[in-house]
């Protein structure tokens, strides 16, 4: 889901596609709006809920959750504290809900 929202921040795909230079791709990461952290966190919580053991599509939910976590890690470039809080919250929810 995060990928569909345009939150996947891998700058190498931007540069190999010839869209922007590597320097510009890194600069764009630093100027991403704060709302991206909120959207990515919300998507992560939704995928975490879908990752419950009784869900037959659990593996797909886990893959999408990993995409959200990767995006939150990439968002550290611009929003270190908020991204870290979101990642910590996802970890705490996973532990509480699934005793991970």
N, C-alpha and C. Protein backbone atom coordinates (compact mmCIF):
# COMPACT_ATOMS: atom_id res chain seq x y z
N UNK A 1 0.81 -1.19 0.00
CA UNK A 1 0.00 0.00 0.00
C UNK A 1 0.86 1.26 0.00
N UNK A 2 1.91 1.27 0.82
CA UNK A 2 2.78 2.45 0.88
C UNK A 2 3.39 2.71 -0.49
N UNK A 3 3.74 1.63 -1.18
CA UNK A 3 4.32 1.80 -2.51
C UNK A 3 3.30 2.44 -3.45
N UNK A 4 2.06 2.03 -3.34
CA UNK A 4 1.01 2.60 -4.19
C UNK A 4 0.75 4.06 -3.89
N UNK A 5 1.03 4.48 -2.66
CA UNK A 5 0.84 5.88 -2.28
C UNK A 5 2.03 6.74 -2.68
N UNK A 6 3.03 6.13 -3.28
CA UNK A 6 4.21 6.90 -3.68
C UNK A 6 5.17 7.15 -2.54
N UNK A 7 5.10 6.33 -1.49
CA UNK A 7 5.96 6.54 -0.33
C UNK A 7 7.25 5.75 -0.39
N UNK A 8 7.41 4.93 -1.39
CA UNK A 8 8.64 4.17 -1.49
C UNK A 8 9.73 5.13 -1.94
N UNK A 9 10.74 5.33 -1.11
CA UNK A 9 11.68 6.42 -1.30
C UNK A 9 13.03 5.99 -1.84
N UNK A 10 13.12 4.86 -2.46
CA UNK A 10 14.39 4.39 -2.98
C UNK A 10 14.82 5.28 -4.14
N UNK A 11 15.76 6.17 -3.86
CA UNK A 11 16.23 7.13 -4.86
C UNK A 11 16.95 6.49 -6.03
N UNK A 12 17.46 5.26 -5.84
CA UNK A 12 18.18 4.62 -6.94
C UNK A 12 17.26 4.36 -8.13
N UNK A 13 15.98 4.11 -7.87
CA UNK A 13 15.04 3.88 -8.97
C UNK A 13 14.76 5.18 -9.72
N UNK A 14 14.82 6.28 -8.99
CA UNK A 14 14.63 7.57 -9.66
C UNK A 14 15.81 7.86 -10.58
N UNK A 15 17.01 7.54 -10.09
CA UNK A 15 18.21 7.88 -10.86
C UNK A 15 18.42 6.91 -12.02
N UNK A 16 18.20 5.61 -11.80
CA UNK A 16 18.39 4.66 -12.89
C UNK A 16 17.34 4.84 -13.97
N UNK A 17 16.19 5.35 -13.59
CA UNK A 17 15.15 5.63 -14.57
C UNK A 17 15.43 6.89 -15.37
N UNK A 18 16.48 7.62 -14.98
CA UNK A 18 16.84 8.83 -15.69
C UNK A 18 15.97 10.03 -15.35
N UNK A 19 15.18 9.91 -14.28
CA UNK A 19 14.28 11.00 -13.92
C UNK A 19 15.03 12.16 -13.26
N UNK A 20 15.94 11.83 -12.36
CA UNK A 20 16.69 12.85 -11.63
C UNK A 20 18.11 12.36 -11.38
N UNK A 21 18.99 13.29 -11.05
CA UNK A 21 20.35 12.90 -10.70
C UNK A 21 20.35 12.33 -9.29
N UNK A 22 21.43 11.64 -8.94
CA UNK A 22 21.53 11.05 -7.60
C UNK A 22 21.49 12.14 -6.52
N UNK A 23 22.15 13.24 -6.78
CA UNK A 23 22.17 14.35 -5.83
C UNK A 23 20.76 14.92 -5.62
N UNK A 24 20.03 15.06 -6.70
CA UNK A 24 18.66 15.59 -6.61
C UNK A 24 17.73 14.60 -5.90
N UNK A 25 17.94 13.30 -6.11
CA UNK A 25 17.12 12.29 -5.44
C UNK A 25 17.30 12.38 -3.93
N UNK A 26 18.54 12.55 -3.47
CA UNK A 26 18.80 12.69 -2.04
C UNK A 26 18.19 13.98 -1.50
N UNK A 27 18.25 15.04 -2.27
CA UNK A 27 17.66 16.32 -1.85
C UNK A 27 16.15 16.20 -1.72
N UNK A 28 15.53 15.46 -2.62
CA UNK A 28 14.07 15.27 -2.55
C UNK A 28 13.66 14.52 -1.29
N UNK A 29 14.49 13.56 -0.87
CA UNK A 29 14.19 12.84 0.37
C UNK A 29 14.15 13.79 1.56
N UNK A 30 15.01 14.80 1.55
CA UNK A 30 15.07 15.74 2.67
C UNK A 30 13.91 16.72 2.67
N UNK A 31 13.21 16.86 1.57
CA UNK A 31 12.14 17.84 1.46
C UNK A 31 10.75 17.22 1.39
N UNK A 32 10.65 15.96 1.76
CA UNK A 32 9.35 15.29 1.71
C UNK A 32 8.47 15.82 2.85
N UNK A 33 7.19 16.01 2.63
CA UNK A 33 6.32 16.56 3.68
C UNK A 33 6.17 15.62 4.88
N UNK A 34 5.92 16.22 6.02
CA UNK A 34 5.73 15.46 7.25
C UNK A 34 4.56 14.48 7.13
N UNK A 35 3.57 14.83 6.36
CA UNK A 35 2.38 13.97 6.22
C UNK A 35 2.75 12.58 5.72
N UNK A 36 3.87 12.44 5.03
CA UNK A 36 4.30 11.13 4.55
C UNK A 36 4.54 10.18 5.71
N UNK A 37 5.08 10.68 6.82
CA UNK A 37 5.30 9.84 8.00
C UNK A 37 3.95 9.34 8.52
N UNK A 38 3.00 10.24 8.63
CA UNK A 38 1.67 9.87 9.13
C UNK A 38 0.99 8.84 8.22
N UNK A 39 1.04 9.08 6.92
CA UNK A 39 0.41 8.14 5.98
C UNK A 39 1.07 6.77 6.04
N UNK A 40 2.38 6.77 6.10
CA UNK A 40 3.10 5.50 6.14
C UNK A 40 2.83 4.76 7.45
N UNK A 41 2.78 5.48 8.56
CA UNK A 41 2.46 4.86 9.85
C UNK A 41 1.04 4.28 9.82
N UNK A 42 0.09 5.02 9.29
CA UNK A 42 -1.29 4.54 9.20
C UNK A 42 -1.37 3.27 8.37
N UNK A 43 -0.68 3.25 7.24
CA UNK A 43 -0.66 2.06 6.39
C UNK A 43 -0.02 0.89 7.13
N UNK A 44 1.05 1.16 7.88
CA UNK A 44 1.72 0.09 8.63
C UNK A 44 0.78 -0.53 9.66
N UNK A 45 0.01 0.29 10.35
CA UNK A 45 -0.93 -0.23 11.35
C UNK A 45 -2.01 -1.08 10.68
N UNK A 46 -2.50 -0.63 9.54
CA UNK A 46 -3.50 -1.42 8.81
C UNK A 46 -2.93 -2.77 8.40
N UNK A 47 -1.70 -2.78 7.88
CA UNK A 47 -1.08 -4.04 7.47
C UNK A 47 -0.75 -4.91 8.68
N UNK A 48 -0.43 -4.29 9.80
CA UNK A 48 -0.18 -5.05 11.02
C UNK A 48 -1.46 -5.75 11.48
N UNK A 49 -2.57 -5.07 11.37
CA UNK A 49 -3.87 -5.69 11.71
C UNK A 49 -4.15 -6.86 10.76
N UNK A 50 -3.86 -6.67 9.48
CA UNK A 50 -4.09 -7.74 8.50
C UNK A 50 -3.12 -8.91 8.67
N UNK A 51 -2.03 -8.71 9.38
CA UNK A 51 -1.03 -9.76 9.55
C UNK A 51 -1.37 -10.74 10.67
N UNK A 52 -2.59 -10.68 11.17
CA UNK A 52 -2.98 -11.60 12.24
C UNK A 52 -2.89 -13.05 11.74
N UNK A 53 -2.56 -13.96 12.63
CA UNK A 53 -2.36 -15.36 12.23
C UNK A 53 -3.56 -16.01 11.55
N UNK A 54 -4.77 -15.57 11.86
CA UNK A 54 -5.96 -16.21 11.27
C UNK A 54 -6.24 -15.74 9.84
N UNK A 55 -5.55 -14.73 9.38
CA UNK A 55 -5.79 -14.19 8.04
C UNK A 55 -5.11 -15.06 6.99
N UNK A 56 -5.85 -15.57 6.00
CA UNK A 56 -5.22 -16.40 4.96
C UNK A 56 -4.24 -15.61 4.08
N UNK A 57 -4.38 -14.30 4.04
CA UNK A 57 -3.47 -13.46 3.24
C UNK A 57 -2.38 -12.84 4.10
N UNK A 58 -2.02 -13.53 5.16
CA UNK A 58 -1.05 -12.99 6.12
C UNK A 58 0.30 -12.67 5.49
N UNK A 59 0.80 -13.53 4.63
CA UNK A 59 2.12 -13.29 4.03
C UNK A 59 2.14 -12.02 3.19
N UNK A 60 1.07 -11.78 2.47
CA UNK A 60 0.97 -10.55 1.68
C UNK A 60 0.94 -9.33 2.61
N UNK A 61 0.20 -9.41 3.70
CA UNK A 61 0.15 -8.31 4.66
C UNK A 61 1.52 -8.05 5.26
N UNK A 62 2.26 -9.11 5.55
CA UNK A 62 3.61 -8.95 6.11
C UNK A 62 4.53 -8.28 5.10
N UNK A 63 4.42 -8.65 3.83
CA UNK A 63 5.25 -7.99 2.80
C UNK A 63 4.93 -6.50 2.70
N UNK A 64 3.64 -6.17 2.73
CA UNK A 64 3.25 -4.76 2.67
C UNK A 64 3.69 -4.01 3.93
N UNK A 65 3.60 -4.68 5.07
CA UNK A 65 4.07 -4.08 6.32
C UNK A 65 5.57 -3.79 6.23
N UNK A 66 6.33 -4.71 5.67
CA UNK A 66 7.77 -4.50 5.51
C UNK A 66 8.05 -3.31 4.60
N UNK A 67 7.25 -3.13 3.56
CA UNK A 67 7.41 -1.97 2.69
C UNK A 67 7.19 -0.68 3.47
N UNK A 68 6.19 -0.66 4.33
CA UNK A 68 5.93 0.53 5.15
C UNK A 68 7.07 0.79 6.11
N UNK A 69 7.60 -0.26 6.71
CA UNK A 69 8.72 -0.10 7.64
C UNK A 69 9.94 0.42 6.91
N UNK A 70 10.20 -0.11 5.71
CA UNK A 70 11.33 0.39 4.91
C UNK A 70 11.14 1.87 4.58
N UNK A 71 9.92 2.25 4.23
CA UNK A 71 9.65 3.65 3.91
C UNK A 71 9.85 4.54 5.14
N UNK A 72 9.40 4.08 6.30
CA UNK A 72 9.61 4.86 7.53
C UNK A 72 11.09 5.00 7.82
N UNK A 73 11.86 3.97 7.55
CA UNK A 73 13.32 4.07 7.74
C UNK A 73 13.91 5.09 6.77
N UNK A 74 13.44 5.09 5.55
CA UNK A 74 13.92 6.07 4.57
C UNK A 74 13.52 7.49 4.96
N UNK A 75 12.39 7.63 5.60
CA UNK A 75 11.92 8.96 6.01
C UNK A 75 12.76 9.56 7.13
N UNK A 76 13.64 8.77 7.72
CA UNK A 76 14.54 9.30 8.74
C UNK A 76 15.40 10.44 8.20
N UNK A 77 15.66 10.42 6.90
CA UNK A 77 16.47 11.47 6.30
C UNK A 77 15.90 12.85 6.60
N UNK A 78 14.59 12.98 6.48
CA UNK A 78 13.95 14.28 6.68
C UNK A 78 13.31 14.43 8.05
N UNK A 79 12.80 13.35 8.59
CA UNK A 79 12.00 13.42 9.82
C UNK A 79 12.46 12.37 10.83
N UNK A 80 13.68 12.49 11.30
CA UNK A 80 14.29 11.47 12.17
C UNK A 80 13.42 11.14 13.38
N UNK A 81 13.11 12.12 14.20
CA UNK A 81 12.39 11.86 15.45
C UNK A 81 11.00 11.27 15.20
N UNK A 82 10.27 11.84 14.25
CA UNK A 82 8.90 11.36 13.99
C UNK A 82 8.91 9.97 13.38
N UNK A 83 9.84 9.73 12.51
CA UNK A 83 9.95 8.41 11.89
C UNK A 83 10.30 7.36 12.94
N UNK A 84 11.24 7.69 13.82
CA UNK A 84 11.62 6.77 14.89
C UNK A 84 10.44 6.48 15.82
N UNK A 85 9.66 7.50 16.15
CA UNK A 85 8.48 7.29 16.99
C UNK A 85 7.48 6.37 16.32
N UNK A 86 7.28 6.56 15.04
CA UNK A 86 6.34 5.71 14.31
C UNK A 86 6.84 4.27 14.28
N UNK A 87 8.14 4.08 14.02
CA UNK A 87 8.70 2.73 14.01
C UNK A 87 8.58 2.07 15.38
N UNK A 88 8.86 2.82 16.43
CA UNK A 88 8.75 2.29 17.79
C UNK A 88 7.29 1.91 18.09
N UNK A 89 6.35 2.74 17.67
CA UNK A 89 4.93 2.44 17.90
C UNK A 89 4.51 1.17 17.17
N UNK A 90 4.97 0.98 15.94
CA UNK A 90 4.64 -0.24 15.19
C UNK A 90 5.21 -1.46 15.91
N UNK A 91 6.46 -1.36 16.39
CA UNK A 91 7.06 -2.47 17.13
C UNK A 91 6.27 -2.79 18.40
N UNK A 92 5.89 -1.75 19.14
CA UNK A 92 5.14 -1.97 20.38
C UNK A 92 3.77 -2.59 20.11
N UNK A 93 3.10 -2.12 19.07
CA UNK A 93 1.80 -2.70 18.71
C UNK A 93 1.95 -4.17 18.32
N UNK A 94 2.98 -4.47 17.55
CA UNK A 94 3.21 -5.86 17.13
C UNK A 94 3.46 -6.75 18.34
N UNK A 95 4.25 -6.27 19.29
CA UNK A 95 4.51 -7.06 20.50
C UNK A 95 3.24 -7.26 21.32
N UNK A 96 2.46 -6.20 21.46
CA UNK A 96 1.25 -6.28 22.27
C UNK A 96 0.20 -7.19 21.62
N UNK A 97 0.02 -7.05 20.32
CA UNK A 97 -1.03 -7.80 19.64
C UNK A 97 -0.64 -9.24 19.36
N UNK A 98 0.62 -9.48 19.06
CA UNK A 98 1.04 -10.81 18.61
C UNK A 98 2.10 -11.45 19.48
N UNK A 99 2.43 -10.83 20.62
CA UNK A 99 3.45 -11.36 21.54
C UNK A 99 4.72 -11.76 20.81
N UNK A 100 5.20 -10.86 19.95
CA UNK A 100 6.41 -11.12 19.15
C UNK A 100 7.62 -10.97 20.02
